[in-house]
Structures are given as structure tokens and as C-alpha cells.
């Protein structure tokens, strides 16, 4: 599924999902790439309420992007593997408890 999402334009995902991913990509990375074609597809595929919900969900789940862009997210203090990856650790209740350099 991750590969399908990473390469959604070439995947067998439903066109409705691809349209939502196009909106998400534009919203998060380059808003100026949200062209008339995607806007037209979105309006034909989703209700105004569904589009509003999608945009609110994207905003909710990407609030950290502001901190990443400003370099104030604290990533430089996290333990990282040789590949530069930091892994979540979880407590017994399944909540994030910290970070480690090893999985």
C-alpha cells in the first residue's frame, strides 16, 4: 500500500483516491501545483463538505510541517541510526514514549 501511495499516479488505486492524493500533495508541498484540472476533478468527485473535511484533515495531520520548515521541530536532538532514522518507542498503552536510534 505504501508503494501504491508513493507512486499513486501509476498505481491501481481508485481514481477517487488519486484525486484526494493530488489535492494532498498540492496542499502540503506545492499549493501552486493545484491546477484547474485537479480542481475540476475534485469538484466533480467530492461534495463541498467532503473537500472541506479533506482540507481540514490535511491541516490537522500536517501541523508539524511549519516547525520542520522553520527548523524548530527539534529533529536535530533525536537519536538517529546510521541512516538518519529515528524510531518511536511506545509505552504499554500504545502511546509514544520517546525515540531511539534502533528499531
PDB file of N, CA and C in Angstrom:
ATOM      1  N   UNK A   1       0.826  -1.188   0.000  1.00  0.00           N
ATOM      2  CA  UNK A   1       0.000   0.000   0.000  1.00  0.00           C
ATOM      3  C   UNK A   1       0.875   1.259   0.000  1.00  0.00           C
ATOM      4  N   UNK A   2       1.980   1.217   0.740  1.00  0.00           N
ATOM      5  CA  UNK A   2       2.876   2.374   0.769  1.00  0.00           C
ATOM      6  C   UNK A   2       3.398   2.686  -0.629  1.00  0.00           C
ATOM      7  N   UNK A   3       3.806   1.661  -1.361  1.00  0.00           N
ATOM      8  CA  UNK A   3       4.296   1.863  -2.726  1.00  0.00           C
ATOM      9  C   UNK A   3       3.185   2.417  -3.625  1.00  0.00           C
ATOM     10  N   UNK A   4       1.978   1.937  -3.436  1.00  0.00           N
ATOM     11  CA  UNK A   4       0.863   2.443  -4.235  1.00  0.00           C
ATOM     12  C   UNK A   4       0.650   3.928  -3.973  1.00  0.00           C
ATOM     13  N   UNK A   5       0.770   4.330  -2.713  1.00  0.00           N
ATOM     14  CA  UNK A   5       0.579   5.739  -2.371  1.00  0.00           C
ATOM     15  C   UNK A   5       1.753   6.567  -2.862  1.00  0.00           C
ATOM     16  N   UNK A   6       2.971   6.053  -2.676  1.00  0.00           N
ATOM     17  CA  UNK A   6       4.159   6.781  -3.143  1.00  0.00           C
ATOM     18  C   UNK A   6       4.115   7.035  -4.642  1.00  0.00           C
ATOM     19  N   UNK A   7       3.599   6.071  -5.383  1.00  0.00           N
ATOM     20  CA  UNK A   7       3.538   6.168  -6.846  1.00  0.00           C
ATOM     21  C   UNK A   7       2.088   6.062  -7.311  1.00  0.00           C
ATOM     22  N   UNK A   8       1.230   6.835  -6.673  1.00  0.00           N
ATOM     23  CA  UNK A   8      -0.212   6.676  -6.892  1.00  0.00           C
ATOM     24  C   UNK A   8      -0.646   6.906  -8.334  1.00  0.00           C
ATOM     25  N   UNK A   9       0.023   7.791  -9.052  1.00  0.00           N
ATOM     26  CA  UNK A   9      -0.397   8.045 -10.431  1.00  0.00           C
ATOM     27  C   UNK A   9      -0.242   6.801 -11.306  1.00  0.00           C
ATOM     28  N   UNK A  10       0.728   5.942 -10.985  1.00  0.00           N
ATOM     29  CA  UNK A  10       0.947   4.720 -11.760  1.00  0.00           C
ATOM     30  C   UNK A  10       0.290   3.496 -11.111  1.00  0.00           C
ATOM     31  N   UNK A  11      -0.359   3.684  -9.974  1.00  0.00           N
ATOM     32  CA  UNK A  11      -0.925   2.560  -9.230  1.00  0.00           C
ATOM     33  C   UNK A  11      -2.317   2.182  -9.746  1.00  0.00           C
ATOM     34  N   UNK A  12      -2.850   1.114  -9.147  1.00  0.00           N
ATOM     35  CA  UNK A  12      -4.208   0.688  -9.475  1.00  0.00           C
ATOM     36  C   UNK A  12      -5.224   1.214  -8.459  1.00  0.00           C
ATOM     37  N   UNK A  13      -4.834   2.225  -7.694  1.00  0.00           N
ATOM     38  CA  UNK A  13      -5.776   2.820  -6.744  1.00  0.00           C
ATOM     39  C   UNK A  13      -6.957   3.431  -7.486  1.00  0.00           C
ATOM     40  N   UNK A  14      -8.088   3.456  -6.832  1.00  0.00           N
ATOM     41  CA  UNK A  14      -9.291   4.063  -7.385  1.00  0.00           C
ATOM     42  C   UNK A  14      -9.025   5.533  -7.727  1.00  0.00           C
ATOM     43  N   UNK A  15      -9.605   6.015  -8.797  1.00  0.00           N
ATOM     44  CA  UNK A  15      -9.380   7.395  -9.243  1.00  0.00           C
ATOM     45  C   UNK A  15      -9.784   8.402  -8.171  1.00  0.00           C
ATOM     46  N   UNK A  16     -10.796   8.096  -7.397  1.00  0.00           N
ATOM     47  CA  UNK A  16     -11.230   8.981  -6.301  1.00  0.00           C
ATOM     48  C   UNK A  16     -10.102   9.173  -5.293  1.00  0.00           C
ATOM     49  N   UNK A  17      -9.393   8.096  -4.978  1.00  0.00           N
ATOM     50  CA  UNK A  17      -8.264   8.172  -4.044  1.00  0.00           C
ATOM     51  C   UNK A  17      -7.125   8.976  -4.670  1.00  0.00           C
ATOM     52  N   UNK A  18      -6.880   8.764  -5.952  1.00  0.00           N
ATOM     53  CA  UNK A  18      -5.823   9.509  -6.639  1.00  0.00           C
ATOM     54  C   UNK A  18      -6.104  11.011  -6.620  1.00  0.00           C
ATOM     55  N   UNK A  19      -7.348  11.383  -6.811  1.00  0.00           N
ATOM     56  CA  UNK A  19      -7.706  12.803  -6.775  1.00  0.00           C
ATOM     57  C   UNK A  19      -7.448  13.366  -5.380  1.00  0.00           C
ATOM     58  N   UNK A  20      -7.837  12.636  -4.351  1.00  0.00           N
ATOM     59  CA  UNK A  20      -7.579  13.081  -2.982  1.00  0.00           C
ATOM     60  C   UNK A  20      -6.077  13.208  -2.714  1.00  0.00           C
ATOM     61  N   UNK A  21      -5.288  12.289  -3.257  1.00  0.00           N
ATOM     62  CA  UNK A  21      -3.836  12.355  -3.083  1.00  0.00           C
ATOM     63  C   UNK A  21      -3.228  13.522  -3.857  1.00  0.00           C
ATOM     64  N   UNK A  22      -3.779  13.846  -5.009  1.00  0.00           N
ATOM     65  CA  UNK A  22      -3.303  15.014  -5.765  1.00  0.00           C
ATOM     66  C   UNK A  22      -3.544  16.291  -4.956  1.00  0.00           C
ATOM     67  N   UNK A  23      -4.721  16.378  -4.364  1.00  0.00           N
ATOM     68  CA  UNK A  23      -5.043  17.532  -3.528  1.00  0.00           C
ATOM     69  C   UNK A  23      -4.093  17.587  -2.332  1.00  0.00           C
ATOM     70  N   UNK A  24      -3.881  16.450  -1.699  1.00  0.00           N
ATOM     71  CA  UNK A  24      -2.997  16.389  -0.533  1.00  0.00           C
ATOM     72  C   UNK A  24      -1.581  16.793  -0.901  1.00  0.00           C
ATOM     73  N   UNK A  25      -1.055  16.260  -1.981  1.00  0.00           N
ATOM     74  CA  UNK A  25       0.292  16.630  -2.425  1.00  0.00           C
ATOM     75  C   UNK A  25       0.407  18.135  -2.633  1.00  0.00           C
ATOM     76  N   UNK A  26      -0.545  18.701  -3.347  1.00  0.00           N
ATOM     77  CA  UNK A  26      -0.503  20.139  -3.610  1.00  0.00           C
ATOM     78  C   UNK A  26      -0.622  20.930  -2.314  1.00  0.00           C
ATOM     79  N   UNK A  27      -1.527  20.526  -1.470  1.00  0.00           N
ATOM     80  CA  UNK A  27      -1.790  21.237  -0.214  1.00  0.00           C
ATOM     81  C   UNK A  27      -0.544  21.268   0.666  1.00  0.00           C
ATOM     82  N   UNK A  28       0.158  20.136   0.754  1.00  0.00           N
ATOM     83  CA  UNK A  28       1.300  20.019   1.664  1.00  0.00           C
ATOM     84  C   UNK A  28       2.599  20.528   1.053  1.00  0.00           C
ATOM     85  N   UNK A  29       2.824  20.242  -0.211  1.00  0.00           N
ATOM     86  CA  UNK A  29       4.142  20.535  -0.764  1.00  0.00           C
ATOM     87  C   UNK A  29       4.191  21.769  -1.652  1.00  0.00           C
ATOM     88  N   UNK A  30       3.315  21.874  -2.602  1.00  0.00           N
ATOM     89  CA  UNK A  30       3.351  22.987  -3.567  1.00  0.00           C
ATOM     90  C   UNK A  30       1.937  23.408  -3.929  1.00  0.00           C
ATOM     91  N   UNK A  31       1.352  24.298  -3.156  1.00  0.00           N
ATOM     92  CA  UNK A  31      -0.030  24.706  -3.451  1.00  0.00           C
ATOM     93  C   UNK A  31      -0.227  25.235  -4.872  1.00  0.00           C
ATOM     94  N   UNK A  32       0.832  25.784  -5.476  1.00  0.00           N
ATOM     95  CA  UNK A  32       0.669  26.317  -6.828  1.00  0.00           C
ATOM     96  C   UNK A  32       0.528  25.220  -7.878  1.00  0.00           C
ATOM     97  N   UNK A  33       0.707  23.950  -7.481  1.00  0.00           N
ATOM     98  CA  UNK A  33       0.519  22.847  -8.426  1.00  0.00           C
ATOM     99  C   UNK A  33      -0.939  22.378  -8.485  1.00  0.00           C
ATOM    100  N   UNK A  34      -1.778  22.959  -7.676  1.00  0.00           N
ATOM    101  CA  UNK A  34      -3.195  22.592  -7.678  1.00  0.00           C
ATOM    102  C   UNK A  34      -3.868  23.323  -8.839  1.00  0.00           C
ATOM    103  N   UNK A  35      -3.758  22.734 -10.018  1.00  0.00           N
ATOM    104  CA  UNK A  35      -4.254  23.361 -11.236  1.00  0.00           C
ATOM    105  C   UNK A  35      -5.740  23.170 -11.449  1.00  0.00           C
ATOM    106  N   UNK A  36      -6.212  23.790 -12.496  1.00  0.00           N
ATOM    107  CA  UNK A  36      -7.635  23.755 -12.841  1.00  0.00           C
ATOM    108  C   UNK A  36      -8.149  22.336 -13.073  1.00  0.00           C
ATOM    109  N   UNK A  37      -7.317  21.469 -13.649  1.00  0.00           N
ATOM    110  CA  UNK A  37      -7.749  20.095 -13.923  1.00  0.00           C
ATOM    111  C   UNK A  37      -8.072  19.364 -12.626  1.00  0.00           C
ATOM    112  N   UNK A  38      -7.178  19.448 -11.639  1.00  0.00           N
ATOM    113  CA  UNK A  38      -7.412  18.768 -10.359  1.00  0.00           C
ATOM    114  C   UNK A  38      -8.594  19.397  -9.633  1.00  0.00           C
ATOM    115  N   UNK A  39      -8.692  20.709  -9.691  1.00  0.00           N
ATOM    116  CA  UNK A  39      -9.830  21.383  -9.053  1.00  0.00           C
ATOM    117  C   UNK A  39     -11.137  20.912  -9.684  1.00  0.00           C
ATOM    118  N   UNK A  40     -11.169  20.824 -10.993  1.00  0.00           N
ATOM    119  CA  UNK A  40     -12.374  20.352 -11.698  1.00  0.00           C
ATOM    120  C   UNK A  40     -12.688  18.907 -11.301  1.00  0.00           C
ATOM    121  N   UNK A  41     -11.669  18.034 -11.304  1.00  0.00           N
ATOM    122  CA  UNK A  41     -11.871  16.636 -10.907  1.00  0.00           C
ATOM    123  C   UNK A  41     -12.395  16.552  -9.477  1.00  0.00           C
ATOM    124  N   UNK A  42     -11.824  17.360  -8.596  1.00  0.00           N
ATOM    125  CA  UNK A  42     -12.230  17.342  -7.189  1.00  0.00           C
ATOM    126  C   UNK A  42     -13.686  17.745  -7.025  1.00  0.00           C
ATOM    127  N   UNK A  43     -14.081  18.783  -7.740  1.00  0.00           N
ATOM    128  CA  UNK A  43     -15.464  19.264  -7.631  1.00  0.00           C
ATOM    129  C   UNK A  43     -16.469  18.283  -8.222  1.00  0.00           C
ATOM    130  N   UNK A  44     -16.049  17.522  -9.232  1.00  0.00           N
ATOM    131  CA  UNK A  44     -16.924  16.508  -9.805  1.00  0.00           C
ATOM    132  C   UNK A  44     -17.026  15.268  -8.918  1.00  0.00           C
ATOM    133  N   UNK A  45     -15.973  15.011  -8.155  1.00  0.00           N
ATOM    134  CA  UNK A  45     -15.868  13.768  -7.384  1.00  0.00           C
ATOM    135  C   UNK A  45     -16.359  13.901  -5.956  1.00  0.00           C
ATOM    136  N   UNK A  46     -16.109  15.047  -5.333  1.00  0.00           N
ATOM    137  CA  UNK A  46     -16.416  15.240  -3.917  1.00  0.00           C
ATOM    138  C   UNK A  46     -17.415  16.365  -3.718  1.00  0.00           C
ATOM    139  N   UNK A  47     -18.201  16.244  -2.666  1.00  0.00           N
ATOM    140  CA  UNK A  47     -19.104  17.331  -2.284  1.00  0.00           C
ATOM    141  C   UNK A  47     -18.268  18.458  -1.668  1.00  0.00           C
ATOM    142  N   UNK A  48     -18.804  19.660  -1.619  1.00  0.00           N
ATOM    143  CA  UNK A  48     -18.076  20.743  -0.952  1.00  0.00           C
ATOM    144  C   UNK A  48     -17.725  20.395   0.501  1.00  0.00           C
ATOM    145  N   UNK A  49     -18.642  19.693   1.160  1.00  0.00           N
ATOM    146  CA  UNK A  49     -18.386  19.286   2.549  1.00  0.00           C
ATOM    147  C   UNK A  49     -17.221  18.302   2.634  1.00  0.00           C
ATOM    148  N   UNK A  50     -17.170  17.357   1.706  1.00  0.00           N
ATOM    149  CA  UNK A  50     -16.082  16.365   1.704  1.00  0.00           C
ATOM    150  C   UNK A  50     -14.745  17.039   1.408  1.00  0.00           C
ATOM    151  N   UNK A  51     -14.735  18.013   0.504  1.00  0.00           N
ATOM    152  CA  UNK A  51     -13.500  18.746   0.214  1.00  0.00           C
ATOM    153  C   UNK A  51     -13.039  19.548   1.428  1.00  0.00           C
ATOM    154  N   UNK A  52     -13.995  20.164   2.110  1.00  0.00           N
ATOM    155  CA  UNK A  52     -13.640  20.911   3.326  1.00  0.00           C
ATOM    156  C   UNK A  52     -13.064  19.970   4.376  1.00  0.00           C
ATOM    157  N   UNK A  53     -13.685  18.808   4.538  1.00  0.00           N
ATOM    158  CA  UNK A  53     -13.188  17.828   5.505  1.00  0.00           C
ATOM    159  C   UNK A  53     -11.783  17.352   5.135  1.00  0.00           C
ATOM    160  N   UNK A  54     -11.552  17.088   3.846  1.00  0.00           N
ATOM    161  CA  UNK A  54     -10.229  16.667   3.393  1.00  0.00           C
ATOM    162  C   UNK A  54      -9.190  17.733   3.733  1.00  0.00           C
ATOM    163  N   UNK A  55      -9.480  18.983   3.420  1.00  0.00           N
ATOM    164  CA  UNK A  55      -8.528  20.061   3.702  1.00  0.00           C
ATOM    165  C   UNK A  55      -8.290  20.235   5.197  1.00  0.00           C
ATOM    166  N   UNK A  56      -9.332  20.100   5.994  1.00  0.00           N
ATOM    167  CA  UNK A  56      -9.162  20.195   7.449  1.00  0.00           C
ATOM    168  C   UNK A  56      -8.345  19.014   7.983  1.00  0.00           C
ATOM    169  N   UNK A  57      -8.582  17.821   7.453  1.00  0.00           N
ATOM    170  CA  UNK A  57      -7.788  16.654   7.866  1.00  0.00           C
ATOM    171  C   UNK A  57      -6.320  16.826   7.495  1.00  0.00           C
ATOM    172  N   UNK A  58      -6.068  17.309   6.287  1.00  0.00           N
ATOM    173  CA  UNK A  58      -4.687  17.537   5.858  1.00  0.00           C
ATOM    174  C   UNK A  58      -4.022  18.530   6.805  1.00  0.00           C
ATOM    175  N   UNK A  59      -4.727  19.608   7.125  1.00  0.00           N
ATOM    176  CA  UNK A  59      -4.183  20.625   8.028  1.00  0.00           C
ATOM    177  C   UNK A  59      -3.910  20.039   9.403  1.00  0.00           C
ATOM    178  N   UNK A  60      -4.855  19.267   9.918  1.00  0.00           N
ATOM    179  CA  UNK A  60      -4.700  18.680  11.252  1.00  0.00           C
ATOM    180  C   UNK A  60      -3.477  17.776  11.322  1.00  0.00           C
ATOM    181  N   UNK A  61      -3.283  16.944  10.305  1.00  0.00           N
ATOM    182  CA  UNK A  61      -2.216  15.946  10.339  1.00  0.00           C
ATOM    183  C   UNK A  61      -0.890  16.456   9.796  1.00  0.00           C
ATOM    184  N   UNK A  62      -0.820  17.726   9.407  1.00  0.00           N
ATOM    185  CA  UNK A  62       0.451  18.242   8.891  1.00  0.00           C
ATOM    186  C   UNK A  62       0.904  19.507   9.615  1.00  0.00           C
ATOM    187  N   UNK A  63       0.402  19.734  10.810  1.00  0.00           N
ATOM    188  CA  UNK A  63       0.787  20.940  11.547  1.00  0.00           C
ATOM    189  C   UNK A  63       2.283  20.987  11.843  1.00  0.00           C
ATOM    190  N   UNK A  64       2.936  19.838  11.913  1.00  0.00           N
ATOM    191  CA  UNK A  64       4.371  19.812  12.188  1.00  0.00           C
ATOM    192  C   UNK A  64       5.176  20.375  11.033  1.00  0.00           C
ATOM    193  N   UNK A  65       4.583  20.485   9.847  1.00  0.00           N
ATOM    194  CA  UNK A  65       5.307  20.980   8.674  1.00  0.00           C
ATOM    195  C   UNK A  65       5.844  22.394   8.902  1.00  0.00           C
ATOM    196  N   UNK A  66       5.114  23.200   9.638  1.00  0.00           N
ATOM    197  CA  UNK A  66       5.555  24.562   9.944  1.00  0.00           C
ATOM    198  C   UNK A  66       6.876  24.503  10.711  1.00  0.00           C
ATOM    199  N   UNK A  67       6.942  23.643  11.714  1.00  0.00           N
ATOM    200  CA  UNK A  67       8.146  23.525  12.534  1.00  0.00           C
ATOM    201  C   UNK A  67       9.311  22.926  11.743  1.00  0.00           C
ATOM    202  N   UNK A  68       9.006  21.975  10.885  1.00  0.00           N
ATOM    203  CA  UNK A  68      10.045  21.380  10.046  1.00  0.00           C
ATOM    204  C   UNK A  68      10.625  22.444   9.117  1.00  0.00           C
ATOM    205  N   UNK A  69       9.756  23.219   8.478  1.00  0.00           N
ATOM    206  CA  UNK A  69      10.205  24.257   7.544  1.00  0.00           C
ATOM    207  C   UNK A  69      11.051  25.312   8.247  1.00  0.00           C
ATOM    208  N   UNK A  70      10.722  25.609   9.493  1.00  0.00           N
ATOM    209  CA  UNK A  70      11.465  26.618  10.239  1.00  0.00           C
ATOM    210  C   UNK A  70      12.697  26.040  10.936  1.00  0.00           C
ATOM    211  N   UNK A  71      12.818  24.711  10.924  1.00  0.00           N
ATOM    212  CA  UNK A  71      13.945  24.087  11.597  1.00  0.00           C
ATOM    213  C   UNK A  71      13.834  24.113  13.111  1.00  0.00           C
ATOM    214  N   UNK A  72      12.606  24.246  13.607  1.00  0.00           N
ATOM    215  CA  UNK A  72      12.401  24.319  15.056  1.00  0.00           C
ATOM    216  C   UNK A  72      11.686  23.079  15.598  1.00  0.00           C
ATOM    217  N   UNK A  73      11.702  21.994  14.823  1.00  0.00           N
ATOM    218  CA  UNK A  73      10.986  20.782  15.218  1.00  0.00           C
ATOM    219  C   UNK A  73      11.780  19.923  16.197  1.00  0.00           C
ATOM    220  N   UNK A  74      13.027  20.262  16.458  1.00  0.00           N
ATOM    221  CA  UNK A  74      13.839  19.506  17.408  1.00  0.00           C
ATOM    222  C   UNK A  74      14.422  18.226  16.847  1.00  0.00           C
ATOM    223  N   UNK A  75      14.311  18.013  15.542  1.00  0.00           N
ATOM    224  CA  UNK A  75      14.808  16.775  14.938  1.00  0.00           C
ATOM    225  C   UNK A  75      16.302  16.599  15.155  1.00  0.00           C
ATOM    226  N   UNK A  76      17.022  17.687  15.287  1.00  0.00           N
ATOM    227  CA  UNK A  76      18.477  17.608  15.452  1.00  0.00           C
ATOM    228  C   UNK A  76      18.899  16.993  16.789  1.00  0.00           C
ATOM    229  N   UNK A  77      17.986  16.923  17.752  1.00  0.00           N
ATOM    230  CA  UNK A  77      18.343  16.345  19.061  1.00  0.00           C
ATOM    231  C   UNK A  77      17.865  14.906  19.228  1.00  0.00           C
ATOM    232  N   UNK A  78      17.161  14.364  18.230  1.00  0.00           N
ATOM    233  CA  UNK A  78      16.670  12.989  18.329  1.00  0.00           C
ATOM    234  C   UNK A  78      17.793  11.995  18.064  1.00  0.00           C
ATOM    235  N   UNK A  79      17.770  10.851  18.768  1.00  0.00           N
ATOM    236  CA  UNK A  79      18.744   9.802  18.446  1.00  0.00           C
ATOM    237  C   UNK A  79      18.438   9.256  17.059  1.00  0.00           C
ATOM    238  N   UNK A  80      19.483   9.057  16.247  1.00  0.00           N
ATOM    239  CA  UNK A  80      19.277   8.587  14.880  1.00  0.00           C
ATOM    240  C   UNK A  80      20.202   7.427  14.551  1.00  0.00           C
ATOM    241  N   UNK A  81      19.719   6.541  13.697  1.00  0.00           N
ATOM    242  CA  UNK A  81      20.529   5.425  13.213  1.00  0.00           C
ATOM    243  C   UNK A  81      21.572   5.957  12.240  1.00  0.00           C
ATOM    244  N   UNK A  82      22.422   5.086  11.751  1.00  0.00           N
ATOM    245  CA  UNK A  82      23.427   5.484  10.766  1.00  0.00           C
ATOM    246  C   UNK A  82      22.776   6.041   9.499  1.00  0.00           C
ATOM    247  N   UNK A  83      21.547   5.609   9.229  1.00  0.00           N
ATOM    248  CA  UNK A  83      20.811   6.083   8.056  1.00  0.00           C
ATOM    249  C   UNK A  83      20.055   7.386   8.322  1.00  0.00           C
ATOM    250  N   UNK A  84      20.165   7.904   9.538  1.00  0.00           N
ATOM    251  CA  UNK A  84      19.480   9.147   9.883  1.00  0.00           C
ATOM    252  C   UNK A  84      18.046   8.976  10.308  1.00  0.00           C
ATOM    253  N   UNK A  85      17.659   7.744  10.671  1.00  0.00           N
ATOM    254  CA  UNK A  85      16.274   7.452  11.042  1.00  0.00           C
ATOM    255  C   UNK A  85      16.142   7.407  12.562  1.00  0.00           C
ATOM    256  N   UNK A  86      15.081   8.012  13.075  1.00  0.00           N
ATOM    257  CA  UNK A  86      14.752   7.954  14.492  1.00  0.00           C
ATOM    258  C   UNK A  86      13.446   7.171  14.634  1.00  0.00           C
ATOM    259  N   UNK A  87      13.421   6.208  15.546  1.00  0.00           N
ATOM    260  CA  UNK A  87      12.259   5.331  15.708  1.00  0.00           C
ATOM    261  C   UNK A  87      11.472   5.703  16.961  1.00  0.00           C
ATOM    262  N   UNK A  88      10.155   5.634  16.856  1.00  0.00           N
ATOM    263  CA  UNK A  88       9.296   5.832  18.013  1.00  0.00           C
ATOM    264  C   UNK A  88       9.447   4.664  18.969  1.00  0.00           C
ATOM    265  N   UNK A  89       9.305   4.934  20.260  1.00  0.00           N
ATOM    266  CA  UNK A  89       9.119   3.875  21.244  1.00  0.00           C
ATOM    267  C   UNK A  89       7.736   4.102  21.853  1.00  0.00           C
ATOM    268  N   UNK A  90       7.127   3.021  22.331  1.00  0.00           N
ATOM    269  CA  UNK A  90       5.765   3.113  22.841  1.00  0.00           C
ATOM    270  C   UNK A  90       5.667   2.549  24.252  1.00  0.00           C
ATOM    271  N   UNK A  91       4.763   3.119  25.026  1.00  0.00           N
ATOM    272  CA  UNK A  91       4.528   2.582  26.362  1.00  0.00           C
ATOM    273  C   UNK A  91       3.542   1.416  26.276  1.00  0.00           C
ATOM    274  N   UNK A  92       3.211   0.827  27.415  1.00  0.00           N
ATOM    275  CA  UNK A  92       2.321  -0.341  27.432  1.00  0.00           C
ATOM    276  C   UNK A  92       0.929  -0.031  26.893  1.00  0.00           C
ATOM    277  N   UNK A  93       0.531   1.227  26.963  1.00  0.00           N
ATOM    278  CA  UNK A  93      -0.780   1.629  26.461  1.00  0.00           C
ATOM    279  C   UNK A  93      -0.785   1.972  24.985  1.00  0.00           C
ATOM    280  N   UNK A  94       0.390   1.891  24.345  1.00  0.00           N
ATOM    281  CA  UNK A  94       0.481   2.160  22.921  1.00  0.00           C
ATOM    282  C   UNK A  94       0.739   3.607  22.561  1.00  0.00           C
ATOM    283  N   UNK A  95       1.001   4.442  23.565  1.00  0.00           N
ATOM    284  CA  UNK A  95       1.296   5.856  23.285  1.00  0.00           C
ATOM    285  C   UNK A  95       2.789   6.046  23.090  1.00  0.00           C
ATOM    286  N   UNK A  96       3.135   7.039  22.254  1.00  0.00           N
ATOM    287  CA  UNK A  96       4.536   7.328  22.023  1.00  0.00           C
ATOM    288  C   UNK A  96       5.198   7.717  23.348  1.00  0.00           C
ATOM    289  N   UNK A  97       6.313   7.041  23.634  1.00  0.00           N
ATOM    290  CA  UNK A  97       7.016   7.274  24.896  1.00  0.00           C
ATOM    291  C   UNK A  97       8.370   7.926  24.684  1.00  0.00           C
ATOM    292  N   UNK A  98       8.852   7.953  23.450  1.00  0.00           N
ATOM    293  CA  UNK A  98      10.156   8.537  23.169  1.00  0.00           C
ATOM    294  C   UNK A  98      10.670   8.093  21.831  1.00  0.00           C
ATOM    295  N   UNK A  99      11.980   8.191  21.659  1.00  0.00           N
ATOM    296  CA  UNK A  99      12.616   7.861  20.398  1.00  0.00           C
ATOM    297  C   UNK A  99      13.899   7.089  20.651  1.00  0.00           C
ATOM    298  N   UNK A 100      14.297   6.304  19.666  1.00  0.00           N
ATOM    299  CA  UNK A 100      15.527   5.543  19.764  1.00  0.00           C
ATOM    300  C   UNK A 100      16.175   5.478  18.375  1.00  0.00           C
ATOM    301  N   UNK A 101      17.459   5.174  18.346  1.00  0.00           N
ATOM    302  CA  UNK A 101      18.166   5.058  17.080  1.00  0.00           C
ATOM    303  C   UNK A 101      18.044   3.665  16.480  1.00  0.00           C
ATOM    304  N   UNK A 102      17.486   2.726  17.244  1.00  0.00           N
ATOM    305  CA  UNK A 102      17.348   1.353  16.752  1.00  0.00           C
ATOM    306  C   UNK A 102      15.892   0.943  16.800  1.00  0.00           C
ATOM    307  N   UNK A 103      15.469   0.138  15.829  1.00  0.00           N
ATOM    308  CA  UNK A 103      14.056  -0.294  15.808  1.00  0.00           C
ATOM    309  C   UNK A 103      13.722  -1.267  16.922  1.00  0.00           C
TER     310      UNK A 103
END
